[in-house]
Amino acid sequence: MTGVTGVQRNAVSVGFAPVELLDRVAGFARKPEYALTRRDIAHWIVTTPGASALLPELRRELMAIGEPLSAAFWESAEQLLGRIETGEATVGQVRKWLEASGSEPTQIIGLHVWDDEGERRPLADRLHAQLVDHLERQVLRGAIDPDRLLAHHPEAHRAYVAAQVRWLHERMPDGCTRMEALEDEQDEEFLADWDAADAEALATLDEVLADVGERPVPAAELHGACDRLRAGLRDGAPPYDLLATCGGVDAEALPSDDVELWLVHAAGVPAPRAAPPEHYAVELVSASYALDHADWLCVVAELARRGPGAPAEDTDLAGYVDSSDVVDGELEPGDVDAIASGFLGVVELWRALGAVDEDGRLTALGWWGLPEAQRRVWAAEDP
C-alpha cells in the first residue's frame, strides 16, 4: 500500500457506504486514513479478533478508495489467519508475514534485537519509528518489493535487509552510527537491570543471614586455608591457576590480610575478574558462567541456613535451587541437571578455598565466608 491520499479518499467516497473499517484501522495505527500503509493494515489484521471475517469488507473499502493491495497480500492474510485460528501459526510465522509488508524492521539485525513495542528504551523506540518511515519510502520507490518478500524471493529479502543495515550504519550528527547508539543504550539497559538484580538478591540474602544469626570467623581454619592458598597461587597448578584468574590478584603481590585474601578469591568464583586459562574445558567454565542470581542466592542462602556439615556437592547445590523458598518459580528436570553441571567446577574451587571438605560438606570457613563473598559481589564491594 502506497498511502491513501485525501484526494483519492474524497473522489471515490461519494455514493459509497462510510469506510468504517478503515476508520478503525486509522484509530489503531494512530494516524489519519490517508497515511495508512501496508504495514498498518497487516498489524491491524493480526491483532484484531475475528479479522478473517472482516477481510472481504476491508478489501472492498480499500478498492473503493483506489488502494486495493495485491492479490498475494489478501491470499497470504487469509492463509495466516486460518493458521492462527486453528492454533497452527507460530510467532515466527506471524513475524515473517509482518516483515513481508516491507516496512516492518527485521527483529534481529546484526547484533541488535528490536524489543516489542512498549518495551523499547527511548532511543530504540525513536530509531525504530524512523526506520519504519525509511523503509516505507523504500517501498514507495520500488527498492523494496513486498510481494516478492511474501514469495520468499532471496534477492528481495537481501535488499530488504541491506536497506536496514545501511540505514543503521549511517552516522548521526554526533559522529556515532545509529547501530552504535543502539548498542550503547542496550549495554546501559543491561547494566541497569544487572544492578537492580544485584540489589534485590543482596536484600534477600541479608534477610536470610539476619535470621541465621552470627556466623563467627574460624580464625585457625581461615589461616590454614590462606597458607595453602598462597602456596597454590604462587605455584600456579590447577585449580589454583583458575582461582588466580577469578581473583585477579598478582601472585607476587598477594594481600597480607587473611580475610581480604580469602574473600577476594571466593568472590571471584561467582564473579570472575579475568578469562580462565585455555587448558580448562570450555564446557566446565561456560556452565559455571551460566549460573544466574537466583541460582547463587538459593545455594548460598540454604548453605547459610544449614550450617557446617551441610551437603555441598554439585547435585546437592542443584537440589537446593530446585527446592528453595527464597525465589519464585519451578524448575524442569533438565534445568536441575544444567545447574548441577554449572556448580561442578564451583565445588572444586570451593574445596581449594577450604569452604567445602573432601567429603563434599560445608566447612565452618565456608559457612562464614561464602555468604560474605557473595554479599561483596552483589554490593559491588572490592575486597
Protein backbone atom coordinates (compact mmCIF):
# COMPACT_ATOMS: atom_id res chain seq x y z
CA MET A 1 0.00 0.00 0.00
CA THR A 2 1.49 3.30 -1.03
CA GLY A 3 -0.59 5.50 1.24
CA VAL A 4 -4.16 6.66 0.78
CA THR A 5 -4.31 10.30 -0.30
CA GLY A 6 -7.02 12.71 0.76
CA VAL A 7 -7.83 13.43 -2.91
CA GLN A 8 -8.39 9.75 -3.64
CA ARG A 9 -10.46 9.33 -0.49
CA ASN A 10 -12.84 12.18 -1.37
CA ALA A 11 -13.05 11.34 -5.07
CA VAL A 12 -14.40 7.84 -4.54
CA SER A 13 -16.36 8.17 -1.32
CA VAL A 14 -19.40 9.77 -2.95
CA GLY A 15 -22.12 7.14 -3.32
CA PHE A 16 -20.32 4.58 -1.14
CA ALA A 17 -21.04 3.49 2.41
CA PRO A 18 -18.73 5.07 5.03
CA VAL A 19 -15.38 3.31 5.18
CA GLU A 20 -15.90 2.13 8.76
CA LEU A 21 -13.16 -0.47 8.83
CA LEU A 22 -10.57 1.99 7.58
CA ASP A 23 -11.63 4.36 10.35
CA ARG A 24 -10.92 1.56 12.83
CA VAL A 25 -7.56 0.80 11.24
CA ALA A 26 -6.65 4.50 11.35
CA GLY A 27 -7.52 4.61 15.04
CA PHE A 28 -5.43 1.51 15.66
CA ALA A 29 -2.43 2.97 13.79
CA ARG A 30 -2.90 6.40 15.40
CA LYS A 31 -2.61 8.17 12.08
CA PRO A 32 -5.04 9.61 9.51
CA GLU A 33 -6.51 7.30 6.90
CA TYR A 34 -4.59 8.93 4.07
CA ALA A 35 -1.30 7.97 5.78
CA LEU A 36 -2.08 4.27 6.31
CA THR A 37 0.43 1.80 4.86
CA ARG A 38 0.50 -1.88 4.07
CA ARG A 39 2.31 -2.43 7.38
CA ASP A 40 -0.52 -0.71 9.29
CA ILE A 41 -3.10 -2.92 7.59
CA ALA A 42 -1.05 -6.04 8.32
CA HIS A 43 -0.64 -5.20 12.02
CA TRP A 44 -4.36 -4.50 12.37
CA ILE A 45 -5.22 -7.82 10.75
CA VAL A 46 -3.08 -9.98 13.07
CA THR A 47 -4.14 -8.18 16.25
CA THR A 48 -7.90 -7.94 15.64
CA PRO A 49 -10.09 -10.82 16.88
CA GLY A 50 -12.27 -12.20 14.11
CA ALA A 51 -10.30 -10.38 11.43
CA SER A 52 -10.77 -13.22 8.95
CA ALA A 53 -14.49 -12.44 8.71
CA LEU A 54 -13.69 -8.77 8.11
CA LEU A 55 -11.18 -9.25 5.29
CA PRO A 56 -13.73 -9.11 2.43
CA GLU A 57 -15.19 -5.81 3.66
CA LEU A 58 -11.76 -4.35 4.32
CA ARG A 59 -10.68 -5.33 0.84
CA ARG A 60 -13.80 -3.68 -0.67
CA GLU A 61 -13.17 -0.46 1.23
CA LEU A 62 -9.58 -0.31 0.07
CA MET A 63 -10.63 -0.97 -3.53
CA ALA A 64 -13.23 1.80 -3.23
CA ILE A 65 -10.55 4.38 -2.46
CA GLY A 66 -8.16 3.10 -5.09
CA GLU A 67 -5.78 1.22 -2.78
CA PRO A 68 -6.66 -2.43 -3.33
CA LEU A 69 -3.33 -4.01 -2.25
CA SER A 70 -2.27 -7.13 -4.11
CA ALA A 71 -3.98 -10.46 -4.53
CA ALA A 72 -0.90 -12.06 -2.97
CA PHE A 73 -1.37 -9.98 0.16
CA TRP A 74 -5.01 -10.95 0.64
CA GLU A 75 -4.34 -14.62 -0.09
CA SER A 76 -1.48 -14.72 2.42
CA ALA A 77 -3.61 -12.90 5.01
CA GLU A 78 -6.39 -15.47 4.69
CA GLN A 79 -3.91 -18.33 5.00
CA LEU A 80 -2.17 -16.84 8.04
CA LEU A 81 -5.42 -16.07 9.85
CA GLY A 82 -6.57 -19.61 9.17
CA ARG A 83 -3.44 -20.97 10.85
CA ILE A 84 -3.85 -18.54 13.74
CA GLU A 85 -7.45 -19.61 14.32
CA THR A 86 -6.50 -23.30 14.36
CA GLY A 87 -3.52 -22.67 16.63
CA GLU A 88 -1.04 -23.78 13.98
CA ALA A 89 0.67 -20.44 13.39
CA THR A 90 3.94 -19.78 15.20
CA VAL A 91 5.17 -16.43 16.47
CA GLY A 92 7.94 -16.62 13.88
CA GLN A 93 5.46 -17.12 11.03
CA VAL A 94 3.42 -14.10 12.11
CA ARG A 95 6.60 -12.07 12.41
CA LYS A 96 7.79 -13.06 8.93
CA TRP A 97 4.41 -12.13 7.46
CA LEU A 98 4.54 -8.70 9.05
CA GLU A 99 8.09 -8.21 7.77
CA ALA A 100 6.83 -9.02 4.28
CA SER A 101 4.97 -5.70 4.40
CA GLY A 102 8.35 -4.25 3.50
CA SER A 103 8.46 -1.70 6.31
CA GLU A 104 8.44 -3.89 9.43
CA PRO A 105 12.07 -3.95 10.65
CA THR A 106 13.71 -7.35 10.95
CA GLN A 107 13.62 -8.29 14.63
CA ILE A 108 17.27 -9.36 14.69
CA ILE A 109 19.59 -7.23 12.59
CA GLY A 110 23.31 -7.79 13.10
CA LEU A 111 23.85 -7.96 16.87
CA HIS A 112 20.80 -5.85 17.66
CA VAL A 113 17.43 -7.23 18.70
CA TRP A 114 14.39 -4.96 18.50
CA ASP A 115 12.22 -5.30 21.59
CA ASP A 116 8.46 -5.39 21.20
CA GLU A 117 6.52 -2.15 21.16
CA GLY A 118 6.10 -0.76 24.65
CA GLU A 119 9.29 -2.46 25.84
CA ARG A 120 11.84 -0.44 23.89
CA ARG A 121 14.03 2.15 25.56
CA PRO A 122 13.61 5.77 24.35
CA LEU A 123 16.36 5.84 21.73
CA ALA A 124 15.45 2.42 20.34
CA ASP A 125 11.77 3.42 20.16
CA ARG A 126 12.64 6.61 18.27
CA LEU A 127 15.03 4.92 15.84
CA HIS A 128 12.60 2.07 15.25
CA ALA A 129 9.92 4.57 14.18
CA GLN A 130 12.43 6.37 11.95
CA LEU A 131 13.49 3.08 10.36
CA VAL A 132 9.85 2.22 9.63
CA ASP A 133 9.48 5.59 7.85
CA HIS A 134 12.70 4.97 5.92
CA LEU A 135 11.57 1.53 4.79
CA GLU A 136 8.17 2.84 3.75
CA ARG A 137 9.89 5.36 1.50
CA GLN A 138 11.93 2.49 0.02
CA VAL A 139 8.69 0.61 -0.69
CA LEU A 140 7.25 3.68 -2.45
CA ARG A 141 10.41 3.95 -4.57
CA GLY A 142 10.20 0.29 -5.52
CA ALA A 143 13.52 -0.54 -3.87
CA ILE A 144 11.68 -2.98 -1.61
CA ASP A 145 9.01 -5.23 -3.12
CA PRO A 146 6.53 -6.59 -0.50
CA ASP A 147 5.01 -9.19 -2.84
CA ARG A 148 8.43 -10.64 -3.59
CA LEU A 149 9.08 -10.75 0.16
CA LEU A 150 5.83 -12.69 0.55
CA ALA A 151 7.10 -15.14 -2.06
CA HIS A 152 10.36 -15.57 -0.10
CA HIS A 153 12.40 -14.30 -3.04
CA PRO A 154 16.10 -14.34 -1.98
CA GLU A 155 17.10 -11.14 -3.78
CA ALA A 156 14.11 -9.25 -2.40
CA HIS A 157 14.94 -10.36 1.11
CA ARG A 158 18.59 -9.38 0.71
CA ALA A 159 17.54 -5.92 -0.49
CA TYR A 160 15.16 -5.58 2.44
CA VAL A 161 17.86 -6.46 4.98
CA ALA A 162 20.53 -4.41 3.21
CA ALA A 163 18.35 -1.30 3.33
CA GLN A 164 18.11 -1.65 7.11
CA VAL A 165 21.82 -2.35 7.59
CA ARG A 166 22.83 0.67 5.50
CA TRP A 167 20.48 2.95 7.42
CA LEU A 168 21.60 1.68 10.83
CA HIS A 169 25.27 2.20 9.94
CA GLU A 170 24.81 5.76 8.76
CA ARG A 171 26.39 8.31 11.07
CA MET A 172 24.31 10.75 13.07
CA PRO A 173 25.31 14.39 13.71
CA ASP A 174 27.36 13.38 16.77
CA GLY A 175 29.51 11.09 14.62
CA CYS A 176 28.09 7.88 16.09
CA THR A 177 26.28 5.41 13.86
CA ARG A 178 22.70 4.52 14.72
CA MET A 179 23.78 0.94 15.40
CA GLU A 180 26.48 2.09 17.82
CA ALA A 181 23.96 4.26 19.64
CA LEU A 182 21.55 1.33 19.93
CA GLU A 183 24.31 -0.92 21.28
CA ASP A 184 25.31 1.71 23.84
CA GLU A 185 21.72 2.05 25.02
CA GLN A 186 21.35 -1.73 25.14
CA ASP A 187 24.52 -2.00 27.24
CA GLU A 188 23.23 0.66 29.61
CA GLU A 189 19.94 -1.20 29.97
CA PHE A 190 21.72 -4.49 30.64
CA LEU A 191 23.93 -2.93 33.31
CA ALA A 192 20.96 -1.21 34.94
CA ASP A 193 19.00 -4.48 35.00
CA TRP A 194 22.04 -6.30 36.39
CA ASP A 195 22.50 -3.71 39.14
CA ALA A 196 18.82 -4.00 40.06
CA ALA A 197 19.11 -7.80 40.21
CA ASP A 198 22.22 -7.44 42.41
CA ALA A 199 20.39 -5.16 44.82
CA GLU A 200 17.35 -7.42 45.03
CA ALA A 201 19.44 -10.55 45.59
CA LEU A 202 21.56 -8.81 48.24
CA ALA A 203 18.47 -7.64 50.13
CA THR A 204 17.04 -11.16 50.15
CA LEU A 205 20.34 -12.71 51.27
CA ASP A 206 20.67 -10.17 54.08
CA GLU A 207 17.20 -11.15 55.34
CA VAL A 208 18.23 -14.81 55.38
CA LEU A 209 21.51 -14.06 57.18
CA ALA A 210 19.69 -11.95 59.77
CA ASP A 211 17.50 -14.96 60.56
CA VAL A 212 20.54 -17.28 60.70
CA GLY A 213 22.31 -15.08 63.22
CA GLU A 214 26.01 -14.75 63.99
CA ARG A 215 28.45 -16.78 61.92
CA PRO A 216 31.88 -16.38 63.55
CA VAL A 217 35.09 -16.24 61.59
CA PRO A 218 37.01 -19.53 62.23
CA ALA A 219 40.42 -17.89 62.61
CA ALA A 220 42.56 -21.06 62.70
CA GLU A 221 40.74 -22.62 59.76
CA LEU A 222 40.99 -19.36 57.79
CA HIS A 223 44.73 -19.06 58.46
CA GLY A 224 45.41 -22.63 57.35
CA ALA A 225 43.34 -22.21 54.19
CA CYS A 226 45.15 -18.99 53.32
CA ASP A 227 48.57 -20.60 53.79
CA ARG A 228 47.55 -23.28 51.28
CA LEU A 229 46.01 -20.65 49.01
CA ARG A 230 49.17 -18.52 48.92
CA ALA A 231 51.32 -21.55 48.14
CA GLY A 232 48.94 -22.78 45.45
CA LEU A 233 48.64 -19.37 43.79
CA ARG A 234 52.40 -18.95 43.63
CA ASP A 235 52.87 -22.46 42.27
CA GLY A 236 50.15 -21.91 39.66
CA ALA A 237 48.99 -25.53 39.46
CA PRO A 238 45.30 -26.40 38.92
CA PRO A 239 42.88 -25.41 40.32
CA TYR A 240 44.80 -22.50 41.82
CA ASP A 241 45.56 -21.09 38.36
CA LEU A 242 41.82 -20.79 37.84
CA LEU A 243 41.37 -19.22 41.28
CA ALA A 244 44.08 -16.70 40.34
CA THR A 245 42.11 -15.53 37.30
CA CYS A 246 38.94 -15.44 39.37
CA GLY A 247 40.53 -13.23 41.99
CA GLY A 248 42.54 -11.14 39.56
CA VAL A 249 45.38 -10.64 42.06
CA ASP A 250 49.09 -10.80 41.20
CA ALA A 251 50.52 -13.96 42.80
CA GLU A 252 53.64 -11.99 43.74
CA ALA A 253 51.65 -9.25 45.46
CA LEU A 254 49.03 -11.13 47.45
CA PRO A 255 47.16 -9.38 50.26
CA SER A 256 48.77 -9.97 53.63
CA ASP A 257 45.46 -9.96 55.46
CA ASP A 258 43.88 -13.42 55.53
CA VAL A 259 40.28 -12.18 55.38
CA GLU A 260 40.99 -9.98 52.39
CA LEU A 261 42.96 -12.67 50.56
CA TRP A 262 40.27 -15.29 51.07
CA LEU A 263 37.29 -13.10 50.23
CA VAL A 264 38.76 -11.62 47.06
CA HIS A 265 39.27 -15.11 45.62
CA ALA A 266 35.98 -16.50 46.94
CA ALA A 267 34.10 -13.55 45.44
CA GLY A 268 35.87 -14.22 42.14
CA VAL A 269 34.20 -17.62 41.83
CA PRO A 270 30.69 -16.23 41.10
CA ALA A 271 32.16 -13.07 39.51
CA PRO A 272 35.50 -13.86 37.78
CA ARG A 273 37.75 -10.91 37.07
CA ALA A 274 39.51 -12.45 34.08
CA ALA A 275 39.15 -15.18 31.47
CA PRO A 276 40.11 -18.70 32.57
CA PRO A 277 43.33 -20.42 31.42
CA GLU A 278 42.97 -22.02 28.00
CA HIS A 279 43.51 -25.59 29.21
CA TYR A 280 40.25 -25.60 31.19
CA ALA A 281 37.35 -27.32 29.48
CA VAL A 282 35.12 -24.78 27.77
CA GLU A 283 32.03 -26.72 28.84
CA LEU A 284 33.00 -26.63 32.52
CA VAL A 285 33.74 -22.91 32.60
CA SER A 286 30.78 -21.93 30.42
CA ALA A 287 28.43 -23.89 32.65
CA SER A 288 29.54 -22.04 35.78
CA TYR A 289 29.21 -18.70 34.00
CA ALA A 290 25.61 -19.61 33.09
CA LEU A 291 24.51 -19.65 36.74
CA ASP A 292 22.29 -16.65 37.46
CA HIS A 293 21.39 -14.55 40.50
CA ALA A 294 18.66 -16.93 41.60
CA ASP A 295 20.98 -19.96 41.48
CA TRP A 296 23.64 -18.32 43.64
CA LEU A 297 21.07 -16.87 46.02
CA CYS A 298 19.30 -20.18 46.59
CA VAL A 299 22.55 -22.05 47.20
CA VAL A 300 24.25 -19.55 49.50
CA ALA A 301 21.05 -18.96 51.48
CA GLU A 302 20.46 -22.67 52.01
CA LEU A 303 24.06 -23.35 53.00
CA ALA A 304 23.87 -20.49 55.49
CA ARG A 305 20.70 -21.94 56.97
CA ARG A 306 22.06 -25.48 57.22
CA GLY A 307 25.47 -24.56 58.60
CA PRO A 308 28.72 -26.57 58.79
CA GLY A 309 28.34 -30.14 57.62
CA ALA A 310 25.66 -29.32 55.02
CA PRO A 311 25.97 -31.44 51.84
CA ALA A 312 27.66 -29.29 49.21
CA GLU A 313 28.36 -31.40 46.13
CA ASP A 314 27.11 -30.12 42.77
CA THR A 315 23.95 -32.26 42.86
CA ASP A 316 23.21 -31.09 46.41
CA LEU A 317 23.50 -27.47 45.34
CA ALA A 318 21.18 -28.01 42.37
CA GLY A 319 18.70 -29.61 44.76
CA TYR A 320 18.79 -26.51 46.95
CA VAL A 321 17.89 -24.39 43.92
CA ASP A 322 15.07 -26.74 42.98
CA SER A 323 13.50 -26.73 46.45
CA SER A 324 14.30 -23.16 47.53
CA ASP A 325 11.71 -20.87 49.06
CA VAL A 326 13.72 -17.67 48.54
CA VAL A 327 12.81 -17.30 44.85
CA ASP A 328 9.61 -17.95 42.92
CA GLY A 329 9.22 -20.44 40.10
CA GLU A 330 9.69 -24.13 39.41
CA LEU A 331 12.45 -25.89 37.51
CA GLU A 332 12.20 -28.59 34.89
CA PRO A 333 14.28 -31.78 35.36
CA GLY A 334 16.65 -30.67 32.62
CA ASP A 335 17.18 -27.35 34.37
CA VAL A 336 18.28 -29.11 37.55
CA ASP A 337 20.86 -31.12 35.61
CA ALA A 338 22.17 -27.96 33.95
CA ILE A 339 22.51 -26.20 37.30
CA ALA A 340 24.37 -29.19 38.74
CA SER A 341 26.78 -29.02 35.79
CA GLY A 342 27.31 -25.34 36.47
CA PHE A 343 28.20 -25.94 40.10
CA LEU A 344 30.57 -28.82 39.30
CA GLY A 345 33.56 -26.52 38.75
CA VAL A 346 32.43 -24.22 41.57
CA VAL A 347 32.66 -27.01 44.13
CA GLU A 348 36.21 -27.78 43.01
CA LEU A 349 37.23 -24.18 43.64
CA TRP A 350 35.41 -24.11 46.97
CA ARG A 351 37.41 -27.19 48.02
CA ALA A 352 40.64 -25.39 47.16
CA LEU A 353 39.49 -22.47 49.29
CA GLY A 354 38.61 -24.77 52.19
CA ALA A 355 34.91 -23.87 52.04
CA VAL A 356 33.97 -27.48 51.23
CA ASP A 357 35.80 -30.51 52.65
CA GLU A 358 36.91 -33.68 50.90
CA ASP A 359 33.62 -35.36 51.82
CA GLY A 360 31.68 -32.68 49.97
CA ARG A 361 30.34 -30.91 53.05
CA LEU A 362 30.32 -27.27 54.05
CA THR A 363 33.05 -26.28 56.48
CA ALA A 364 32.88 -23.66 59.21
CA LEU A 365 35.04 -21.48 56.95
CA GLY A 366 32.55 -21.89 54.09
CA TRP A 367 29.62 -21.17 56.41
CA TRP A 368 31.16 -17.84 57.36
CA GLY A 369 32.90 -16.96 54.10
CA LEU A 370 30.67 -17.95 51.19
CA PRO A 371 27.79 -15.63 52.20
CA GLU A 372 30.27 -12.81 52.87
CA ALA A 373 31.91 -13.28 49.47
CA GLN A 374 28.53 -13.31 47.74
CA ARG A 375 27.49 -10.17 49.60
CA ARG A 376 30.58 -8.39 48.28
CA VAL A 377 29.76 -9.41 44.72
CA TRP A 378 26.22 -8.02 44.88
CA ALA A 379 27.19 -4.95 46.88
CA ALA A 380 29.88 -4.17 44.27
CA GLU A 381 32.48 -4.00 47.04
CA ASP A 382 36.13 -4.50 46.27
CA PRO A 383 37.55 -6.76 48.99
